[in-house]
Protein backbone atom coordinates (compact mmCIF):
# COMPACT_ATOMS: atom_id res chain seq x y z
CA MET A 1 85.80 110.91 115.72
CA ALA A 2 84.11 108.26 113.61
CA GLN A 3 84.00 105.87 116.57
CA LEU A 4 82.15 108.31 118.82
CA ILE A 5 79.74 109.34 116.05
CA ALA A 6 78.92 105.67 115.45
CA SER A 7 78.68 104.91 119.18
CA PHE A 8 76.20 107.76 119.82
CA CYS A 9 74.20 106.78 116.71
CA TRP A 10 74.60 110.24 115.17
CA ARG A 11 74.49 110.99 111.48
CA LEU A 12 77.90 111.45 109.90
CA GLY A 13 78.20 114.90 108.32
CA PHE A 14 80.55 116.49 105.79
CA LEU A 15 81.12 120.08 104.72
CA ASP A 16 83.83 122.14 103.10
CA PHE A 17 84.49 125.85 102.69
CA THR A 18 84.68 127.58 99.31
CA GLN A 19 87.56 130.09 99.10
CA ALA A 20 88.47 129.32 102.69
CA PHE A 21 91.52 131.60 102.94
CA HIS A 22 89.47 134.57 101.72
CA SER A 23 86.86 133.89 104.39
CA GLY A 24 89.20 134.60 107.29
CA ASP A 25 90.28 137.73 109.14
CA ARG A 26 91.93 140.79 107.62
CA ILE A 27 95.64 140.46 107.04
CA GLN A 28 97.85 141.84 109.83
CA ARG A 29 100.58 143.31 107.63
CA THR A 30 100.91 145.36 104.46
CA ILE A 31 101.58 143.27 101.38
CA TYR A 32 101.19 143.95 97.68
CA ALA A 33 100.90 141.54 94.75
CA THR A 34 101.03 141.74 90.98
CA GLN A 35 97.87 141.03 89.05
CA PRO A 36 97.11 137.54 87.74
CA ARG A 37 98.11 136.83 84.15
CA GLU A 38 94.65 137.48 82.78
CA GLY A 39 94.60 140.86 84.50
CA ILE A 40 91.67 142.59 86.22
CA PRO A 41 89.07 144.53 84.18
CA GLY A 42 89.43 148.30 84.56
CA LEU A 43 92.98 148.20 85.91
CA SER A 44 96.24 148.93 84.17
CA PRO A 45 98.56 145.88 83.98
CA ALA A 46 101.20 147.91 85.86
CA GLN A 47 98.97 148.49 88.89
CA LEU A 48 99.58 146.46 92.06
CA LEU A 49 96.99 144.88 94.34
CA LYS A 50 96.93 145.42 98.08
CA LEU A 51 95.91 142.26 99.90
CA GLU A 52 93.17 142.73 102.48
CA LYS A 53 93.11 139.01 103.39
CA VAL A 54 95.49 136.10 103.00
CA CYS A 55 95.44 134.14 99.79
CA TYR A 56 96.61 130.74 98.63
CA GLY A 57 100.38 130.77 98.20
CA LEU A 58 101.30 132.81 101.27
CA THR A 59 103.26 130.78 103.80
CA ASP A 60 101.05 131.95 106.64
CA GLY A 61 97.80 131.37 104.72
CA PRO A 62 96.89 128.02 106.33
CA LEU A 63 97.79 129.30 109.82
CA ALA A 64 95.73 132.47 109.40
CA TRP A 65 92.73 130.39 108.33
CA PHE A 66 93.20 127.98 111.22
CA LEU A 67 93.40 130.81 113.77
CA HIS A 68 90.27 132.37 112.32
CA LEU A 69 88.30 129.15 112.17
CA GLN A 70 89.07 128.08 115.73
CA LYS A 71 87.45 131.26 117.08
CA PHE A 72 84.08 130.67 115.43
CA PRO A 73 83.11 127.36 117.09
CA THR A 74 84.67 128.25 120.44
CA THR A 75 83.37 131.82 120.89
CA LYS A 76 80.09 131.75 118.96
CA LEU A 77 78.94 128.13 119.04
CA GLY A 78 80.06 127.01 122.49
CA TYR A 79 82.52 124.31 121.46
CA ARG A 80 85.78 123.49 123.20
CA GLN A 81 89.08 122.90 121.46
CA SER A 82 90.67 119.57 122.31
CA LEU A 83 93.90 119.57 124.31
CA ALA A 84 94.99 116.31 122.71
CA ASP A 85 94.25 117.35 119.13
CA PRO A 86 93.79 121.07 118.29
CA CYS A 87 91.92 120.15 115.08
CA ILE A 88 89.04 118.58 117.04
CA TYR A 89 86.23 120.61 118.64
CA TYR A 90 83.58 119.19 120.93
CA LYS A 91 80.50 120.44 122.71
CA ILE A 92 79.26 119.39 126.15
CA ASN A 93 75.55 119.97 126.86
CA LYS A 94 73.95 121.14 130.10
CA ASN A 95 73.74 117.56 131.36
CA GLY A 96 77.50 117.17 131.08
CA SER A 97 77.39 114.71 128.17
CA LEU A 98 78.82 114.99 124.68
CA SER A 99 76.60 116.93 122.28
CA GLY A 100 78.65 117.13 119.10
CA LEU A 101 82.05 116.78 117.44
CA ILE A 102 83.85 118.66 114.67
CA ALA A 103 87.10 117.58 113.00
CA VAL A 104 88.91 120.13 110.83
CA ALA A 105 91.34 119.37 107.98
CA THR A 106 92.18 122.75 106.37
CA ASP A 107 88.89 123.57 104.61
CA ASP A 108 87.12 120.22 105.18
CA LEU A 109 84.97 119.34 108.19
CA LEU A 110 83.79 115.97 109.46
CA HIS A 111 81.15 116.22 112.17
CA GLY A 112 78.34 114.53 114.05
CA GLY A 113 76.07 115.28 116.96
CA ASP A 114 72.58 115.73 118.36
CA GLU A 115 69.97 118.36 117.43
CA GLU A 116 71.83 121.10 119.29
CA HIS A 117 74.93 120.31 117.27
CA LEU A 118 73.01 120.35 113.98
CA GLU A 119 71.73 123.83 114.84
CA ALA A 120 75.35 124.94 115.30
CA MET A 121 76.24 123.48 111.90
CA ALA A 122 73.39 125.46 110.40
CA GLU A 123 75.01 128.62 111.81
CA ILE A 124 78.26 127.75 110.06
CA ARG A 125 76.27 127.23 106.86
CA LYS A 126 74.79 130.72 107.20
CA HIS A 127 78.08 132.43 108.03
CA TYR A 128 80.35 130.85 105.37
CA LYS A 129 80.10 129.96 101.72
CA LEU A 130 80.17 126.16 101.55
CA GLY A 131 81.01 123.84 98.69
CA LYS A 132 79.27 120.79 100.16
CA TYR A 133 76.94 120.13 103.05
CA GLN A 134 75.92 116.48 103.16
CA PHE A 135 75.32 113.54 105.44
CA ASP A 136 75.79 109.76 105.62
CA LYS A 137 78.54 109.42 103.00
CA GLY A 138 81.30 111.54 101.53
CA LYS A 139 85.04 112.19 101.32
CA PHE A 140 87.23 113.51 104.09
CA THR A 141 91.05 113.74 104.02
CA GLY A 142 91.17 111.56 100.92
CA LYS A 143 89.06 108.76 102.38
CA TYR A 144 85.51 107.74 101.54
CA PHE A 145 83.22 107.41 104.56
CA GLU A 146 79.86 105.66 104.35
CA GLN A 147 77.49 105.24 107.27
CA LYS A 148 75.24 102.17 107.29
CA GLU A 149 71.73 101.78 108.69
CA ASP A 150 73.08 100.40 111.98
CA TYR A 151 75.25 103.57 112.28
CA SER A 152 78.48 101.66 111.62
CA ILE A 153 80.91 103.53 109.37
CA GLU A 154 82.96 102.02 106.56
CA VAL A 155 86.15 103.80 105.48
CA SER A 156 87.77 102.91 102.16
CA GLN A 157 89.74 104.38 99.27
CA ALA A 158 88.58 102.53 96.16
CA HIS A 159 88.71 105.77 94.18
CA TYR A 160 92.31 106.31 95.24
CA VAL A 161 93.28 102.76 94.26
CA ALA A 162 91.79 103.26 90.80
CA GLU A 163 93.32 106.69 90.22
CA LYS A 164 96.73 106.57 91.89
CA LEU A 165 98.06 103.01 92.01
CA PHE A 166 99.94 101.76 88.98
CA GLU A 167 102.04 98.78 87.98
CA ILE A 168 105.69 99.40 87.14
CA PRO A 169 106.45 97.98 83.67
CA ILE A 170 109.15 95.29 83.97
CA GLN A 171 110.25 93.18 81.04
CA LYS A 172 110.44 89.43 81.58
CA CYS A 173 114.20 89.38 81.08
CA ARG A 174 114.57 92.16 83.64
CA LYS A 175 112.55 90.23 86.25
CA ARG A 176 115.14 87.46 86.05
CA GLN A 177 117.77 89.96 87.19
CA ARG A 178 116.26 89.94 90.67
CA TYR A 179 119.38 91.08 92.53
CA SER A 180 120.43 93.80 90.09
CA PHE A 181 120.32 97.42 91.23
CA CYS A 182 117.57 99.56 89.71
CA THR A 183 118.29 102.16 87.08
CA ASP A 184 117.52 105.84 87.74
CA SER A 185 114.28 105.51 85.75
CA GLU A 186 113.22 102.43 87.74
CA ILE A 187 114.06 104.16 91.03
CA SER A 188 111.87 107.10 90.05
CA GLN A 189 108.94 104.81 89.21
CA LEU A 190 109.43 102.79 92.40
CA ARG A 191 109.48 105.96 94.48
CA ALA A 192 106.17 107.07 92.97
CA SER A 193 104.62 103.63 93.44
CA ILE A 194 105.68 103.36 97.09
CA GLY A 195 104.49 106.91 97.72
CA ALA A 196 101.00 105.99 96.55
CA LEU A 197 101.02 102.69 98.45
CA SER A 198 102.24 104.27 101.70
CA TRP A 199 99.38 106.77 101.76
CA LEU A 200 96.86 104.00 101.10
CA SER A 201 98.28 101.69 103.76
CA LYS A 202 98.47 104.53 106.28
CA GLU A 203 94.91 105.75 105.80
CA SER A 204 92.69 102.71 105.22
CA ARG A 205 94.60 99.47 104.56
CA PRO A 206 96.31 98.06 107.67
CA ASP A 207 96.64 94.74 105.80
CA LEU A 208 99.29 96.34 103.56
CA ALA A 209 101.10 98.49 106.13
CA GLY A 210 103.84 96.05 107.16
CA ARG A 211 104.93 95.10 103.66
CA VAL A 212 104.88 98.69 102.44
CA ALA A 213 106.95 99.87 105.43
CA LEU A 214 109.59 97.22 104.77
CA LEU A 215 109.62 98.07 101.06
CA GLN A 216 110.30 101.73 101.87
CA GLN A 217 113.61 100.66 103.38
CA ALA A 218 114.88 99.57 99.95
CA PHE A 219 116.04 103.13 99.25
CA PRO A 220 118.41 104.66 98.36
CA LYS A 221 119.63 101.62 96.37
CA PRO A 222 116.66 99.36 95.56
CA ARG A 223 116.99 96.21 93.49
CA VAL A 224 114.79 94.68 90.81
CA LYS A 225 113.20 92.41 93.41
CA ASP A 226 111.81 95.55 95.06
CA LEU A 227 110.09 96.53 91.81
CA VAL A 228 108.47 93.10 91.73
CA GLU A 229 107.36 93.42 95.35
CA ALA A 230 105.83 96.85 94.69
CA ASN A 231 103.84 95.40 91.79
CA THR A 232 102.73 92.47 93.95
CA ILE A 233 101.38 94.77 96.66
CA THR A 234 99.73 96.98 94.04
CA ALA A 235 98.02 93.96 92.47
CA GLU A 236 96.68 92.89 95.87
CA ALA A 237 95.36 96.39 96.58
CA LYS A 238 93.63 96.50 93.20
CA LYS A 239 92.18 93.02 93.66
CA TYR A 240 90.32 94.20 96.76
CA PRO A 241 89.82 97.96 96.15
CA GLU A 242 86.82 98.20 98.47
CA SER A 243 88.76 96.84 101.46
CA GLY A 244 89.20 99.20 104.37
CA ILE A 245 88.15 99.49 108.00
CA LYS A 246 84.76 99.41 109.69
CA ILE A 247 83.85 101.48 112.74
CA MET A 248 81.28 99.61 114.83
CA PRO A 249 78.48 101.26 116.89
CA ILE A 250 79.78 100.19 120.31
CA LYS A 251 77.78 101.75 123.12
CA PRO A 252 79.58 104.82 124.52
CA GLU A 253 79.53 103.51 128.09
CA ASN A 254 81.11 100.23 126.91
CA LEU A 255 83.99 101.75 124.94
CA ARG A 256 87.42 100.42 125.79
CA VAL A 257 90.78 100.86 124.07
CA GLY A 258 93.09 97.98 123.16
CA VAL A 259 96.24 97.35 121.17
CA ALA A 260 97.94 94.36 119.59
CA THR A 261 101.70 94.69 119.08
CA ASP A 262 104.26 92.55 117.32
CA ALA A 263 107.88 92.70 116.22
CA SER A 264 110.35 90.72 114.14
CA TRP A 265 113.97 90.63 115.13
CA ALA A 266 116.64 91.73 112.63
CA ASN A 267 114.34 91.90 109.60
CA ALA A 268 114.67 95.62 108.81
CA LYS A 269 117.33 97.01 106.50
CA ASP A 270 119.91 99.12 108.28
CA LYS A 271 122.65 99.72 105.72
CA ASP A 272 123.16 99.60 101.95
CA LYS A 273 126.48 97.77 101.82
CA LEU A 274 128.05 94.95 103.78
CA GLU A 275 131.46 96.54 103.42
CA GLU A 276 132.71 100.13 103.37
CA ASN A 277 136.41 100.23 102.52
CA SER A 278 137.98 103.04 100.51
CA LYS A 279 141.30 101.21 99.99
CA ASP A 280 139.97 98.01 98.43
CA PHE A 281 139.05 98.35 94.75
CA TRP A 282 137.63 96.55 91.71
CA GLU A 283 139.48 95.73 88.52
CA GLU A 284 137.69 94.60 85.36
CA THR A 285 139.37 92.48 82.69
CA SER A 286 137.96 90.89 79.56
CA THR A 287 137.21 87.65 81.42
CA HIS A 288 137.04 88.53 85.14
CA TRP A 289 136.04 90.97 87.82
CA ILE A 290 138.80 91.14 90.43
CA ARG A 291 138.42 92.54 93.92
CA HIS A 292 141.78 93.65 95.34
CA HIS A 293 141.94 93.48 99.13
CA VAL A 294 144.43 96.05 100.41
CA THR A 295 143.00 96.19 103.91
CA PRO A 296 143.59 93.01 105.94
CA ARG A 297 140.46 90.89 106.39
CA ARG A 298 139.45 87.52 107.80
CA THR A 299 136.26 86.71 105.89
CA LEU A 300 135.78 85.68 102.27
CA PHE A 301 134.48 88.36 99.92
CA HIS A 302 131.01 88.39 98.33
CA PRO A 303 130.50 90.40 95.09
CA GLY A 304 127.26 91.87 96.45
CA ALA A 305 128.98 93.25 99.54
CA THR A 306 129.72 96.58 97.87
CA ASP A 307 129.18 98.46 94.63
CA GLY A 308 130.61 96.43 91.81
CA PRO A 309 129.69 94.13 88.94
CA GLU A 310 126.24 93.01 87.89
CA LEU A 311 125.69 89.84 89.94
CA HIS A 312 123.75 88.07 87.21
CA GLY A 313 126.66 88.63 84.84
CA LEU A 314 129.05 86.57 86.99
CA GLN A 315 129.78 82.86 87.04
CA PRO A 316 129.05 81.09 90.35
CA GLY A 317 132.70 80.16 90.84
CA ARG A 318 134.94 82.22 93.11
CA ARG A 319 138.73 82.03 93.40
CA THR A 320 140.36 83.62 96.44
CA VAL A 321 144.14 84.11 96.47
CA SER A 322 146.05 85.51 99.43
CA GLU A 323 149.42 87.23 99.24
CA ARG A 324 150.83 84.28 101.18
CA GLY A 325 150.00 82.05 98.21
CA GLU A 326 146.92 80.37 99.72
CA VAL A 327 144.18 79.56 97.19
CA LEU A 328 140.53 78.70 97.80
CA GLU A 329 138.05 77.85 95.04
CA ASP A 330 134.35 77.70 95.89
CA GLU A 331 131.02 79.29 94.87
CA TRP A 332 129.87 82.70 96.04
CA THR A 333 126.21 81.84 95.27
CA LYS A 334 125.88 79.45 98.23
CA GLY A 335 124.41 80.29 101.61
CA ASN A 336 127.77 79.85 103.39
CA SER A 337 129.73 82.05 100.98
CA ILE A 338 130.31 84.74 103.62
CA ARG A 339 132.40 83.01 106.26
CA MET A 340 135.77 83.06 107.99
CA TRP A 341 138.64 81.83 105.83
CA ASN A 342 141.66 81.94 108.12
CA GLU A 343 142.20 82.53 111.78
CA THR A 344 144.72 85.18 110.81
CA SER A 345 143.93 88.21 108.67
CA TRP A 346 144.89 88.18 104.99
CA THR A 347 145.23 90.42 101.94
CA GLY A 348 145.10 89.48 98.30
CA ALA A 349 142.42 89.26 95.61
CA THR A 350 139.17 87.52 94.77
CA TYR A 351 138.41 86.53 91.15
CA PHE A 352 134.91 86.25 89.66
CA GLY A 353 134.57 84.94 86.11
CA LYS A 354 132.25 86.71 83.67
CA GLN A 355 129.34 84.92 82.04
CA PRO A 356 129.67 84.26 78.28
CA ALA A 357 127.88 86.76 76.04
CA GLY A 358 124.13 86.16 76.00
CA HIS A 359 124.14 84.21 79.28
CA GLU A 360 123.33 85.27 82.83
CA LEU A 361 123.05 83.71 86.25
CA ALA A 362 119.45 82.92 87.21
CA ALA A 363 118.04 84.50 90.37
CA SER A 364 117.15 81.04 91.69
CA GLU A 365 120.86 80.13 91.67
CA ILE A 366 121.82 83.01 94.01
CA ASN A 367 121.33 82.63 97.75
CA ASP A 368 120.06 85.88 99.28
CA THR A 369 121.91 85.51 102.60
CA PHE A 370 124.08 88.49 101.69
CA LEU A 371 120.96 90.69 101.67
CA LYS A 372 119.71 89.36 105.00
CA LEU A 373 122.99 90.41 106.57
CA LEU A 374 122.01 94.01 105.83
CA ASN A 375 119.09 93.64 108.24
CA CYS A 376 120.60 94.87 111.49
CA SER A 377 117.43 96.57 112.75
CA SER A 378 114.05 95.22 113.81
CA GLN A 379 110.57 96.00 112.59
CA GLY A 380 107.74 96.57 115.02
CA GLY A 381 104.14 97.61 114.77
CA PHE A 382 100.78 97.96 116.46
CA ILE A 383 97.09 97.78 115.66
CA MET A 384 94.94 99.87 117.98
CA MET A 385 91.23 99.23 118.38
CA PHE A 386 88.12 100.22 120.28
CA TYR A 387 86.22 97.25 121.69
CA ASP A 388 83.18 96.44 123.81
CA LYS A 389 84.12 96.02 127.48
CA TRP A 390 82.12 92.78 127.69
CA MET A 391 84.68 91.17 125.41
CA GLU A 392 87.01 91.02 128.42
CA THR A 393 84.77 88.66 130.38
CA GLU A 394 82.40 86.94 127.93
CA LYS A 395 83.22 84.22 125.42
CA GLN A 396 80.79 85.26 122.68
CA PRO A 397 82.05 87.70 120.02
CA HIS A 398 81.69 91.44 120.58
CA MET A 399 82.17 94.45 118.32
CA VAL A 400 85.67 95.76 117.61
CA SER A 401 86.77 98.80 115.55
CA VAL A 402 90.30 99.00 114.15
CA THR A 403 91.14 102.71 114.18
CA SER A 404 94.93 103.18 114.20
CA TRP A 405 97.96 101.18 113.10
CA LYS A 406 101.59 101.51 112.13
CA SER A 407 104.57 99.41 111.10
CA THR A 408 108.00 100.99 111.51
CA LYS A 409 111.67 100.31 112.09
CA LEU A 410 112.36 100.30 115.82
CA LYS A 411 114.58 103.16 116.95
CA ARG A 412 116.88 101.04 119.06
CA LYS A 413 119.05 98.12 117.98
CA THR A 414 118.05 94.92 119.74
CA VAL A 415 119.98 91.77 120.59
CA ASN A 416 117.04 89.39 120.68
CA THR A 417 113.34 89.00 119.93
CA LEU A 418 112.33 89.77 123.53
CA SER A 419 113.86 93.24 123.32
CA ALA A 420 112.19 93.95 119.97
CA GLU A 421 108.80 92.79 121.25
CA CYS A 422 109.20 94.97 124.34
CA GLN A 423 109.91 98.09 122.25
CA ALA A 424 106.87 97.45 120.06
CA LEU A 425 104.70 96.98 123.17
CA ILE A 426 105.89 100.27 124.71
CA TYR A 427 105.13 102.07 121.45
CA GLY A 428 101.65 100.56 121.26
CA VAL A 429 100.80 101.33 124.88
CA GLY A 430 101.86 104.93 124.30
CA GLN A 431 99.30 105.15 121.51
CA ILE A 432 96.64 103.75 123.86
CA HIS A 433 97.28 106.44 126.48
CA TRP A 434 96.82 109.21 123.91
CA HIS A 435 93.51 107.70 122.76
CA ARG A 436 92.35 107.22 126.34
CA PHE A 437 93.14 110.87 127.09
CA LEU A 438 91.24 112.06 124.03
CA LEU A 439 88.29 109.78 124.76
CA LEU A 440 87.99 111.02 128.35
CA GLU A 441 88.31 114.63 127.24
CA LEU A 442 85.56 114.31 124.63
CA MET A 443 83.32 112.67 127.21
CA GLY A 444 83.37 115.92 129.22
CA ASN A 445 86.17 115.31 131.72
CA ASN A 446 88.40 118.22 132.72
CA MET A 447 91.79 117.00 131.52
CA GLN A 448 93.56 120.21 132.61
CA ASP A 449 93.48 118.87 136.15
CA HIS A 450 97.01 117.96 137.34
CA GLN A 451 95.54 114.60 138.37
CA TRP A 452 94.67 113.73 134.76
CA GLU A 453 96.84 110.60 134.84
CA LYS A 454 94.68 109.11 137.59
CA LYS A 455 91.59 109.79 135.49
CA LEU A 456 92.95 107.56 132.75
CA THR A 457 92.47 104.57 135.03
CA SER A 458 88.71 104.92 134.56
CA ILE A 459 89.19 103.45 131.07
CA PRO A 460 90.87 100.03 131.39
CA TYR A 461 92.71 98.73 128.37
CA ILE A 462 94.01 95.49 126.89
CA SER A 463 97.43 94.99 125.36
CA VAL A 464 98.02 91.81 123.37
CA VAL A 465 101.40 90.30 122.45
CA ASP A 466 102.32 86.93 120.95
CA SER A 467 105.65 86.73 122.82
CA ARG A 468 105.44 84.32 125.73
CA SER A 469 108.81 85.44 127.09
CA LEU A 470 107.63 89.06 127.24
CA TYR A 471 104.34 87.99 128.84
CA ASP A 472 106.23 86.08 131.53
CA CYS A 473 108.58 89.01 132.16
CA ILE A 474 105.72 91.41 132.75
CA ASN A 475 103.45 89.10 134.75
CA LYS A 476 105.97 87.11 136.76
CA LEU A 477 108.63 89.81 136.99
CA VAL A 478 111.34 87.22 136.43
CA CYS A 479 113.88 86.69 133.68
CA PRO A 480 112.70 83.91 131.34
CA LEU A 481 116.31 82.74 130.96
CA SER A 482 116.61 81.96 134.65
CA GLY A 483 114.42 78.89 134.29
CA GLY A 484 117.09 76.94 132.44
CA GLY A 485 116.18 73.66 130.80
C-alpha cells in the first residue's frame, strides 16, 4: 500500500472510526444484556437491554463490522475488494489506471489516491463518525508513518520502543551464571521482553528480526544467557529508536519485486535436552552429584545433557566408572567432553564434584558445545523489496524499498547448507509471487482469469542468494559435488 502511494506521488491519509461496532448493520439475532455497572438513567437496575447492533465483547463483533464496512466502498464508492488481501480496496478509473487505495485494520484506515479518491473519502467522512482524518503523518497498526516532500514514506516505532521495551534486571553475580536455567520469575520477564521485541522486529525493524527469532527458540527452558541476549537486543533497539524502513517513490511503471534469501545450517534449537532417558537418574551426596546409567550407552555423559545440578556449582573434573571396573577421569567443561568412550556399550555412573561453599565455576570456563548439539534445525529468512527496473541493467544506484521480511526455523530438517539455502529460497520466491499477484491486481488487471499465472510474467523479479552451490545447481542444472577436486 505504502509503496504504491509513494510511487503515484499521492498524499498518505489516515482515518479511524469512533464506536465502529455500533456503526454497522442491525444484529441478526435476538440477544439481551445486563446494564453496565453505572446503570442507565431512568431504568431499573433489574431491566435488561436488547441489543440492536453488535457491541465490543461479542465474538462476532469484528466480523459483523468487517462485513458491513466492505459493502460501503464496494457498492457505494465503486471500489473493488482485493482477491489477494480482503482488507485492501482499490479503485480503477475510466482510463483503466489505479485511482485510489484503502487498507482496513479493524477501525483504522490507511489510504491514498487522486482527486476522485479524495472525494470518496469525503463521503466516508459524511457517513460515519470519525476520530481522526489527517494526511502526511500518523499511526496505523501500531506504526508511525511519515511522508516526506519527495513522497517517500518513513515507517518507524520510536513511540513503541520508548513505551514497551524494557531491560530485565539481572544482578552481576547472576550474569556470571550464564548456563543456569532461568527461574519462573525470569522466564516471565523474558517472555514479556521477547513479546515486545518480536512485534517491533516484525513490523519495522528487519535488522533485529533474525536475532529475535533465534531468541524465541530458547523456550520453554531458557538460560541466563538468554536474558542477557534479550537485554542486548533491547539496548540496540533503544540506541536507534528512530530506525525503521523507508518506502521510496519508484515510478509505477518501473516497479519490480525482488527478494534476498539466506539460511544457516543447524543453528536453530530443536530440542531442550540432549538425552531423554527415564531409567537413568541423579543422586546427590554432600560432596558429589552422581549420574547413574542404567541404560547401556557408548558416549560419555555431560551434566548439561538433561535436568540436573546447577552447572556453575560443579567442579570441572569428571570421573566415569563402568560396571566392568573401567575408570576415566577428565573434564566435562572441555569442547570434546561429549565423545565415544568405548566401542562397546557400558553402564555405570559418572561423578561430578561440588564446588566449595561460596565458589562457582565461571561461564568462561565452560565450553558451550553441549548447547550447540541441541541445534538440529536450520534457520532461514528473506528480505523482500520493491526496486527500480533499471537497477537490473545499469551500474549506478537506484531506489529500493524494503517492505517485507521474516526469519524462521525451516520446517524440514536438512543435511547440509545447500538444502537449507534451497528451502529459504523457495520460501522467499513464494512471497514474491504473492506480491506480484497483488501488484498486478491493484494495477487494474483481471486476476480472476484462469490464465493469471501467465500474467505474472509481465513483472520480472530478482532473487538473490549468497550460496554459490545453490546458484550453480539452478543455473547449470548439475550437482555441485560431481565436479570433484
